[in-house]
Amino acid sequence: LNLLRKLDVKKLAIAGFDGFKQGEEGNYMQGTIDIKRHEAEYDAINKELATMFGKFAKTVEGKCEIKFITPSMFDKTININRNF
């Protein structure tokens, strides 16, 4: 994301940035990836991702349009321009 900001990208579409959900089998597209050992950390990871993405979104506000192609928990917590 920082590279895209430095390249002065005007429109950004994001897919698969949906966060982690406890008890979900679909946290990864490939079902063979076992990350249940980190399940207790999901809330902290999601909070950190939301903070980092929020900072990025604020730095490109008014300069870059951001759209989530797939549903994302970060879409609801971050005030971004959703118009493409």
PDB file of N, CA and C in Angstrom:
ATOM      1  N   LEU A   1       0.820  -1.193   0.000  1.00  0.00           N
ATOM      2  CA  LEU A   1       0.000   0.000   0.000  1.00  0.00           C
ATOM      3  C   LEU A   1       0.864   1.257   0.000  1.00  0.00           C
ATOM      4  N   ASN A   2       1.959   1.224   0.741  1.00  0.00           N
ATOM      5  CA  ASN A   2       2.838   2.395   0.753  1.00  0.00           C
ATOM      6  C   ASN A   2       3.467   2.636  -0.614  1.00  0.00           C
ATOM      7  N   LEU A   3       3.795   1.555  -1.328  1.00  0.00           N
ATOM      8  CA  LEU A   3       4.327   1.706  -2.683  1.00  0.00           C
ATOM      9  C   LEU A   3       3.278   2.333  -3.589  1.00  0.00           C
ATOM     10  N   LEU A   4       2.041   1.886  -3.493  1.00  0.00           N
ATOM     11  CA  LEU A   4       0.971   2.458  -4.315  1.00  0.00           C
ATOM     12  C   LEU A   4       0.779   3.941  -4.004  1.00  0.00           C
ATOM     13  N   ARG A   5       0.905   4.297  -2.736  1.00  0.00           N
ATOM     14  CA  ARG A   5       0.799   5.711  -2.344  1.00  0.00           C
ATOM     15  C   ARG A   5       1.937   6.506  -2.974  1.00  0.00           C
ATOM     16  N   LYS A   6       3.148   5.968  -2.920  1.00  0.00           N
ATOM     17  CA  LYS A   6       4.306   6.659  -3.492  1.00  0.00           C
ATOM     18  C   LYS A   6       4.206   6.777  -5.009  1.00  0.00           C
ATOM     19  N   LEU A   7       3.531   5.811  -5.641  1.00  0.00           N
ATOM     20  CA  LEU A   7       3.343   5.841  -7.094  1.00  0.00           C
ATOM     21  C   LEU A   7       2.179   6.739  -7.491  1.00  0.00           C
ATOM     22  N   ASP A   8       1.515   7.326  -6.491  1.00  0.00           N
ATOM     23  CA  ASP A   8       0.419   8.275  -6.710  1.00  0.00           C
ATOM     24  C   ASP A   8      -0.746   7.628  -7.462  1.00  0.00           C
ATOM     25  N   VAL A   9      -1.084   6.394  -7.061  1.00  0.00           N
ATOM     26  CA  VAL A   9      -2.210   5.678  -7.658  1.00  0.00           C
ATOM     27  C   VAL A   9      -3.497   6.430  -7.336  1.00  0.00           C
ATOM     28  N   LYS A  10      -4.353   6.596  -8.324  1.00  0.00           N
ATOM     29  CA  LYS A  10      -5.592   7.367  -8.155  1.00  0.00           C
ATOM     30  C   LYS A  10      -6.792   6.512  -7.771  1.00  0.00           C
ATOM     31  N   LYS A  11      -6.775   5.228  -8.158  1.00  0.00           N
ATOM     32  CA  LYS A  11      -7.867   4.317  -7.839  1.00  0.00           C
ATOM     33  C   LYS A  11      -7.270   2.993  -7.374  1.00  0.00           C
ATOM     34  N   LEU A  12      -7.869   2.443  -6.321  1.00  0.00           N
ATOM     35  CA  LEU A  12      -7.364   1.214  -5.740  1.00  0.00           C
ATOM     36  C   LEU A  12      -8.540   0.295  -5.440  1.00  0.00           C
ATOM     37  N   ALA A  13      -8.496  -0.927  -5.947  1.00  0.00           N
ATOM     38  CA  ALA A  13      -9.524  -1.929  -5.674  1.00  0.00           C
ATOM     39  C   ALA A  13      -8.877  -3.078  -4.902  1.00  0.00           C
ATOM     40  N   ILE A  14      -9.472  -3.435  -3.768  1.00  0.00           N
ATOM     41  CA  ILE A  14      -8.888  -4.443  -2.880  1.00  0.00           C
ATOM     42  C   ILE A  14      -9.833  -5.639  -2.767  1.00  0.00           C
ATOM     43  N   ALA A  15      -9.266  -6.831  -2.902  1.00  0.00           N
ATOM     44  CA  ALA A  15     -10.040  -8.067  -2.736  1.00  0.00           C
ATOM     45  C   ALA A  15      -9.330  -8.955  -1.711  1.00  0.00           C
ATOM     46  N   GLY A  16     -10.114  -9.689  -0.942  1.00  0.00           N
ATOM     47  CA  GLY A  16      -9.547 -10.651  -0.010  1.00  0.00           C
ATOM     48  C   GLY A  16      -8.986 -10.053   1.267  1.00  0.00           C
ATOM     49  N   PHE A  17      -9.307  -8.812   1.552  1.00  0.00           N
ATOM     50  CA  PHE A  17      -8.830  -8.136   2.765  1.00  0.00           C
ATOM     51  C   PHE A  17      -9.987  -8.117   3.754  1.00  0.00           C
ATOM     52  N   ASP A  18     -10.362  -9.323   4.205  1.00  0.00           N
ATOM     53  CA  ASP A  18     -11.583  -9.456   4.987  1.00  0.00           C
ATOM     54  C   ASP A  18     -11.353  -9.686   6.469  1.00  0.00           C
ATOM     55  N   GLY A  19     -10.121  -9.790   6.906  1.00  0.00           N
ATOM     56  CA  GLY A  19      -9.838 -10.004   8.312  1.00  0.00           C
ATOM     57  C   GLY A  19      -9.983 -11.467   8.694  1.00  0.00           C
ATOM     58  N   PHE A  20      -9.754 -11.740   9.974  1.00  0.00           N
ATOM     59  CA  PHE A  20      -9.831 -13.098  10.490  1.00  0.00           C
ATOM     60  C   PHE A  20     -11.024 -13.221  11.428  1.00  0.00           C
ATOM     61  N   LYS A  21     -11.730 -14.350  11.332  1.00  0.00           N
ATOM     62  CA  LYS A  21     -12.893 -14.605  12.182  1.00  0.00           C
ATOM     63  C   LYS A  21     -12.672 -15.907  12.947  1.00  0.00           C
ATOM     64  N   GLN A  22     -12.854 -15.855  14.246  1.00  0.00           N
ATOM     65  CA  GLN A  22     -12.696 -17.059  15.068  1.00  0.00           C
ATOM     66  C   GLN A  22     -13.760 -18.085  14.715  1.00  0.00           C
ATOM     67  N   GLY A  23     -13.336 -19.345  14.676  1.00  0.00           N
ATOM     68  CA  GLY A  23     -14.258 -20.432  14.381  1.00  0.00           C
ATOM     69  C   GLY A  23     -14.605 -20.579  12.916  1.00  0.00           C
ATOM     70  N   GLU A  24     -14.003 -19.782  12.054  1.00  0.00           N
ATOM     71  CA  GLU A  24     -14.291 -19.832  10.612  1.00  0.00           C
ATOM     72  C   GLU A  24     -13.309 -20.767   9.925  1.00  0.00           C
ATOM     73  N   GLU A  25     -13.816 -21.605   9.072  1.00  0.00           N
ATOM     74  CA  GLU A  25     -12.967 -22.460   8.251  1.00  0.00           C
ATOM     75  C   GLU A  25     -12.462 -21.703   7.032  1.00  0.00           C
ATOM     76  N   GLY A  26     -13.138 -20.638   6.657  1.00  0.00           N
ATOM     77  CA  GLY A  26     -12.816 -19.935   5.425  1.00  0.00           C
ATOM     78  C   GLY A  26     -11.908 -18.738   5.580  1.00  0.00           C
ATOM     79  N   ASN A  27     -11.043 -18.731   6.575  1.00  0.00           N
ATOM     80  CA  ASN A  27     -10.134 -17.601   6.735  1.00  0.00           C
ATOM     81  C   ASN A  27      -9.096 -17.541   5.614  1.00  0.00           C
ATOM     82  N   TYR A  28      -8.841 -18.671   5.001  1.00  0.00           N
ATOM     83  CA  TYR A  28      -7.949 -18.717   3.849  1.00  0.00           C
ATOM     84  C   TYR A  28      -8.646 -19.457   2.726  1.00  0.00           C
ATOM     85  N   MET A  29      -8.398 -19.021   1.512  1.00  0.00           N
ATOM     86  CA  MET A  29      -8.999 -19.669   0.350  1.00  0.00           C
ATOM     87  C   MET A  29      -8.555 -21.124   0.261  1.00  0.00           C
ATOM     88  N   GLN A  30      -7.276 -21.349   0.543  1.00  0.00           N
ATOM     89  CA  GLN A  30      -6.744 -22.705   0.490  1.00  0.00           C
ATOM     90  C   GLN A  30      -6.985 -23.371   1.848  1.00  0.00           C
ATOM     91  N   GLY A  31      -7.861 -24.357   1.880  1.00  0.00           N
ATOM     92  CA  GLY A  31      -8.267 -24.990   3.127  1.00  0.00           C
ATOM     93  C   GLY A  31      -7.180 -25.774   3.835  1.00  0.00           C
ATOM     94  N   THR A  32      -6.070 -26.057   3.157  1.00  0.00           N
ATOM     95  CA  THR A  32      -5.007 -26.838   3.780  1.00  0.00           C
ATOM     96  C   THR A  32      -4.145 -26.001   4.725  1.00  0.00           C
ATOM     97  N   ILE A  33      -4.316 -24.695   4.703  1.00  0.00           N
ATOM     98  CA  ILE A  33      -3.540 -23.840   5.600  1.00  0.00           C
ATOM     99  C   ILE A  33      -4.197 -23.868   6.975  1.00  0.00           C
ATOM    100  N   ASP A  34      -3.459 -24.354   7.967  1.00  0.00           N
ATOM    101  CA  ASP A  34      -3.994 -24.463   9.328  1.00  0.00           C
ATOM    102  C   ASP A  34      -3.427 -23.331  10.187  1.00  0.00           C
ATOM    103  N   ILE A  35      -4.283 -22.372  10.488  1.00  0.00           N
ATOM    104  CA  ILE A  35      -3.829 -21.255  11.318  1.00  0.00           C
ATOM    105  C   ILE A  35      -4.607 -21.181  12.628  1.00  0.00           C
ATOM    106  N   LYS A  36      -5.290 -22.256  12.989  1.00  0.00           N
ATOM    107  CA  LYS A  36      -6.084 -22.250  14.221  1.00  0.00           C
ATOM    108  C   LYS A  36      -5.214 -22.002  15.448  1.00  0.00           C
ATOM    109  N   ARG A  37      -3.939 -22.299  15.370  1.00  0.00           N
ATOM    110  CA  ARG A  37      -3.067 -22.068  16.524  1.00  0.00           C
ATOM    111  C   ARG A  37      -2.942 -20.585  16.839  1.00  0.00           C
ATOM    112  N   HIS A  38      -3.278 -19.719  15.885  1.00  0.00           N
ATOM    113  CA  HIS A  38      -3.221 -18.269  16.086  1.00  0.00           C
ATOM    114  C   HIS A  38      -4.600 -17.663  16.345  1.00  0.00           C
ATOM    115  N   GLU A  39      -5.614 -18.506  16.469  1.00  0.00           N
ATOM    116  CA  GLU A  39      -6.989 -18.022  16.573  1.00  0.00           C
ATOM    117  C   GLU A  39      -7.186 -17.061  17.753  1.00  0.00           C
ATOM    118  N   ALA A  40      -6.487 -17.277  18.838  1.00  0.00           N
ATOM    119  CA  ALA A  40      -6.613 -16.398  20.006  1.00  0.00           C
ATOM    120  C   ALA A  40      -6.097 -14.989  19.714  1.00  0.00           C
ATOM    121  N   GLU A  41      -5.303 -14.850  18.671  1.00  0.00           N
ATOM    122  CA  GLU A  41      -4.719 -13.556  18.327  1.00  0.00           C
ATOM    123  C   GLU A  41      -5.513 -12.800  17.259  1.00  0.00           C
ATOM    124  N   TYR A  42      -6.586 -13.385  16.748  1.00  0.00           N
ATOM    125  CA  TYR A  42      -7.334 -12.776  15.641  1.00  0.00           C
ATOM    126  C   TYR A  42      -7.820 -11.370  15.947  1.00  0.00           C
ATOM    127  N   ASP A  43      -8.369 -11.145  17.127  1.00  0.00           N
ATOM    128  CA  ASP A  43      -8.870  -9.808  17.458  1.00  0.00           C
ATOM    129  C   ASP A  43      -7.746  -8.774  17.433  1.00  0.00           C
ATOM    130  N   ALA A  44      -6.603  -9.130  17.997  1.00  0.00           N
ATOM    131  CA  ALA A  44      -5.462  -8.212  18.018  1.00  0.00           C
ATOM    132  C   ALA A  44      -4.937  -7.963  16.604  1.00  0.00           C
ATOM    133  N   ILE A  45      -4.893  -9.014  15.793  1.00  0.00           N
ATOM    134  CA  ILE A  45      -4.431  -8.879  14.412  1.00  0.00           C
ATOM    135  C   ILE A  45      -5.376  -7.976  13.627  1.00  0.00           C
ATOM    136  N   ASN A  46      -6.680  -8.198  13.763  1.00  0.00           N
ATOM    137  CA  ASN A  46      -7.666  -7.370  13.052  1.00  0.00           C
ATOM    138  C   ASN A  46      -7.581  -5.915  13.482  1.00  0.00           C
ATOM    139  N   LYS A  47      -7.382  -5.682  14.768  1.00  0.00           N
ATOM    140  CA  LYS A  47      -7.271  -4.315  15.272  1.00  0.00           C
ATOM    141  C   LYS A  47      -6.029  -3.629  14.693  1.00  0.00           C
ATOM    142  N   GLU A  48      -4.918  -4.348  14.660  1.00  0.00           N
ATOM    143  CA  GLU A  48      -3.689  -3.789  14.105  1.00  0.00           C
ATOM    144  C   GLU A  48      -3.830  -3.505  12.606  1.00  0.00           C
ATOM    145  N   LEU A  49      -4.457  -4.430  11.876  1.00  0.00           N
ATOM    146  CA  LEU A  49      -4.683  -4.218  10.442  1.00  0.00           C
ATOM    147  C   LEU A  49      -5.580  -3.006  10.204  1.00  0.00           C
ATOM    148  N   ALA A  50      -6.635  -2.864  11.011  1.00  0.00           N
ATOM    149  CA  ALA A  50      -7.545  -1.724  10.868  1.00  0.00           C
ATOM    150  C   ALA A  50      -6.811  -0.416  11.141  1.00  0.00           C
ATOM    151  N   THR A  51      -5.949  -0.401  12.146  1.00  0.00           N
ATOM    152  CA  THR A  51      -5.178   0.802  12.466  1.00  0.00           C
ATOM    153  C   THR A  51      -4.235   1.166  11.321  1.00  0.00           C
ATOM    154  N   MET A  52      -3.503   0.174  10.825  1.00  0.00           N
ATOM    155  CA  MET A  52      -2.557   0.435   9.736  1.00  0.00           C
ATOM    156  C   MET A  52      -3.277   0.883   8.468  1.00  0.00           C
ATOM    157  N   PHE A  53      -4.380   0.194   8.127  1.00  0.00           N
ATOM    158  CA  PHE A  53      -5.101   0.564   6.923  1.00  0.00           C
ATOM    159  C   PHE A  53      -5.755   1.933   7.081  1.00  0.00           C
ATOM    160  N   GLY A  54      -6.229   2.220   8.277  1.00  0.00           N
ATOM    161  CA  GLY A  54      -6.817   3.536   8.551  1.00  0.00           C
ATOM    162  C   GLY A  54      -5.819   4.653   8.347  1.00  0.00           C
ATOM    163  N   LYS A  55      -4.587   4.441   8.792  1.00  0.00           N
ATOM    164  CA  LYS A  55      -3.534   5.445   8.597  1.00  0.00           C
ATOM    165  C   LYS A  55      -3.250   5.631   7.113  1.00  0.00           C
ATOM    166  N   PHE A  56      -3.179   4.509   6.380  1.00  0.00           N
ATOM    167  CA  PHE A  56      -2.956   4.595   4.934  1.00  0.00           C
ATOM    168  C   PHE A  56      -4.084   5.364   4.265  1.00  0.00           C
ATOM    169  N   ALA A  57      -5.331   4.998   4.585  1.00  0.00           N
ATOM    170  CA  ALA A  57      -6.492   5.640   3.968  1.00  0.00           C
ATOM    171  C   ALA A  57      -6.491   7.141   4.244  1.00  0.00           C
ATOM    172  N   LYS A  58      -6.078   7.523   5.428  1.00  0.00           N
ATOM    173  CA  LYS A  58      -6.044   8.948   5.775  1.00  0.00           C
ATOM    174  C   LYS A  58      -4.989   9.686   4.950  1.00  0.00           C
ATOM    175  N   THR A  59      -3.855   9.045   4.680  1.00  0.00           N
ATOM    176  CA  THR A  59      -2.790   9.706   3.915  1.00  0.00           C
ATOM    177  C   THR A  59      -3.157   9.891   2.446  1.00  0.00           C
ATOM    178  N   VAL A  60      -4.076   9.059   1.930  1.00  0.00           N
ATOM    179  CA  VAL A  60      -4.457   9.178   0.516  1.00  0.00           C
ATOM    180  C   VAL A  60      -5.844   9.796   0.346  1.00  0.00           C
ATOM    181  N   GLU A  61      -6.450  10.218   1.440  1.00  0.00           N
ATOM    182  CA  GLU A  61      -7.791  10.797   1.377  1.00  0.00           C
ATOM    183  C   GLU A  61      -7.820  11.994   0.428  1.00  0.00           C
ATOM    184  N   GLY A  62      -8.775  11.964  -0.503  1.00  0.00           N
ATOM    185  CA  GLY A  62      -8.908  13.022  -1.491  1.00  0.00           C
ATOM    186  C   GLY A  62      -7.965  12.878  -2.674  1.00  0.00           C
ATOM    187  N   LYS A  63      -7.046  11.924  -2.601  1.00  0.00           N
ATOM    188  CA  LYS A  63      -6.069  11.702  -3.672  1.00  0.00           C
ATOM    189  C   LYS A  63      -6.263  10.365  -4.375  1.00  0.00           C
ATOM    190  N   CYS A  64      -6.848   9.399  -3.658  1.00  0.00           N
ATOM    191  CA  CYS A  64      -6.993   8.045  -4.185  1.00  0.00           C
ATOM    192  C   CYS A  64      -8.354   7.493  -3.776  1.00  0.00           C
ATOM    193  N   GLU A  65      -9.075   6.950  -4.727  1.00  0.00           N
ATOM    194  CA  GLU A  65     -10.357   6.311  -4.452  1.00  0.00           C
ATOM    195  C   GLU A  65     -10.092   4.843  -4.111  1.00  0.00           C
ATOM    196  N   ILE A  66     -10.664   4.378  -3.008  1.00  0.00           N
ATOM    197  CA  ILE A  66     -10.464   3.004  -2.562  1.00  0.00           C
ATOM    198  C   ILE A  66     -11.796   2.273  -2.577  1.00  0.00           C
ATOM    199  N   LYS A  67     -11.775   1.062  -3.127  1.00  0.00           N
ATOM    200  CA  LYS A  67     -12.982   0.240  -3.198  1.00  0.00           C
ATOM    201  C   LYS A  67     -12.634  -1.181  -2.772  1.00  0.00           C
ATOM    202  N   PHE A  68     -13.511  -1.769  -1.971  1.00  0.00           N
ATOM    203  CA  PHE A  68     -13.382  -3.176  -1.631  1.00  0.00           C
ATOM    204  C   PHE A  68     -14.213  -3.969  -2.625  1.00  0.00           C
ATOM    205  N   ILE A  69     -13.595  -4.900  -3.325  1.00  0.00           N
ATOM    206  CA  ILE A  69     -14.284  -5.743  -4.295  1.00  0.00           C
ATOM    207  C   ILE A  69     -15.050  -6.848  -3.572  1.00  0.00           C
ATOM    208  N   THR A  70     -14.448  -7.387  -2.530  1.00  0.00           N
ATOM    209  CA  THR A  70     -15.076  -8.426  -1.726  1.00  0.00           C
ATOM    210  C   THR A  70     -15.409  -7.848  -0.348  1.00  0.00           C
ATOM    211  N   PRO A  71     -16.376  -8.433   0.356  1.00  0.00           N
ATOM    212  CA  PRO A  71     -16.731  -7.914   1.682  1.00  0.00           C
ATOM    213  C   PRO A  71     -15.514  -7.867   2.614  1.00  0.00           C
ATOM    214  N   SER A  72     -15.471  -6.829   3.429  1.00  0.00           N
ATOM    215  CA  SER A  72     -14.350  -6.651   4.343  1.00  0.00           C
ATOM    216  C   SER A  72     -14.826  -6.009   5.632  1.00  0.00           C
ATOM    217  N   MET A  73     -14.340  -6.507   6.758  1.00  0.00           N
ATOM    218  CA  MET A  73     -14.674  -5.893   8.036  1.00  0.00           C
ATOM    219  C   MET A  73     -14.054  -4.499   8.146  1.00  0.00           C
ATOM    220  N   PHE A  74     -13.041  -4.227   7.377  1.00  0.00           N
ATOM    221  CA  PHE A  74     -12.363  -2.941   7.419  1.00  0.00           C
ATOM    222  C   PHE A  74     -13.121  -1.865   6.642  1.00  0.00           C
ATOM    223  N   ASP A  75     -13.986  -2.282   5.746  1.00  0.00           N
ATOM    224  CA  ASP A  75     -14.829  -1.352   4.996  1.00  0.00           C
ATOM    225  C   ASP A  75     -15.755  -0.586   5.941  1.00  0.00           C
ATOM    226  N   LYS A  76     -16.219  -1.235   6.986  1.00  0.00           N
ATOM    227  CA  LYS A  76     -17.169  -0.622   7.911  1.00  0.00           C
ATOM    228  C   LYS A  76     -16.493   0.261   8.956  1.00  0.00           C
ATOM    229  N   THR A  77     -15.232   0.013   9.235  1.00  0.00           N
ATOM    230  CA  THR A  77     -14.559   0.733  10.309  1.00  0.00           C
ATOM    231  C   THR A  77     -13.714   1.902   9.822  1.00  0.00           C
ATOM    232  N   ILE A  78     -13.519   1.976   8.513  1.00  0.00           N
ATOM    233  CA  ILE A  78     -12.662   3.031   7.964  1.00  0.00           C
ATOM    234  C   ILE A  78     -13.472   3.909   7.016  1.00  0.00           C
ATOM    235  N   ASN A  79     -13.431   5.190   7.224  1.00  0.00           N
ATOM    236  CA  ASN A  79     -14.167   6.143   6.381  1.00  0.00           C
ATOM    237  C   ASN A  79     -13.353   6.406   5.116  1.00  0.00           C
ATOM    238  N   ILE A  80     -13.762   5.761   4.002  1.00  0.00           N
ATOM    239  CA  ILE A  80     -13.044   5.928   2.742  1.00  0.00           C
ATOM    240  C   ILE A  80     -14.031   6.264   1.636  1.00  0.00           C
ATOM    241  N   ASN A  81     -13.503   6.758   0.551  1.00  0.00           N
ATOM    242  CA  ASN A  81     -14.321   7.056  -0.631  1.00  0.00           C
ATOM    243  C   ASN A  81     -14.588   5.758  -1.362  1.00  0.00           C
ATOM    244  N   ARG A  82     -15.840   5.359  -1.436  1.00  0.00           N
ATOM    245  CA  ARG A  82     -16.201   4.081  -2.074  1.00  0.00           C
ATOM    246  C   ARG A  82     -16.679   4.266  -3.511  1.00  0.00           C
ATOM    247  N   ASN A  83     -16.643   5.453  -4.027  1.00  0.00           N
ATOM    248  CA  ASN A  83     -17.135   5.694  -5.386  1.00  0.00           C
ATOM    249  C   ASN A  83     -16.022   5.471  -6.398  1.00  0.00           C
ATOM    250  N   PHE A  84     -16.317   4.671  -7.414  1.00  0.00           N
ATOM    251  CA  PHE A  84     -15.337   4.444  -8.480  1.00  0.00           C
ATOM    252  C   PHE A  84     -15.879   4.998  -9.764  1.00  0.00           C
TER     253      PHE A  84
END
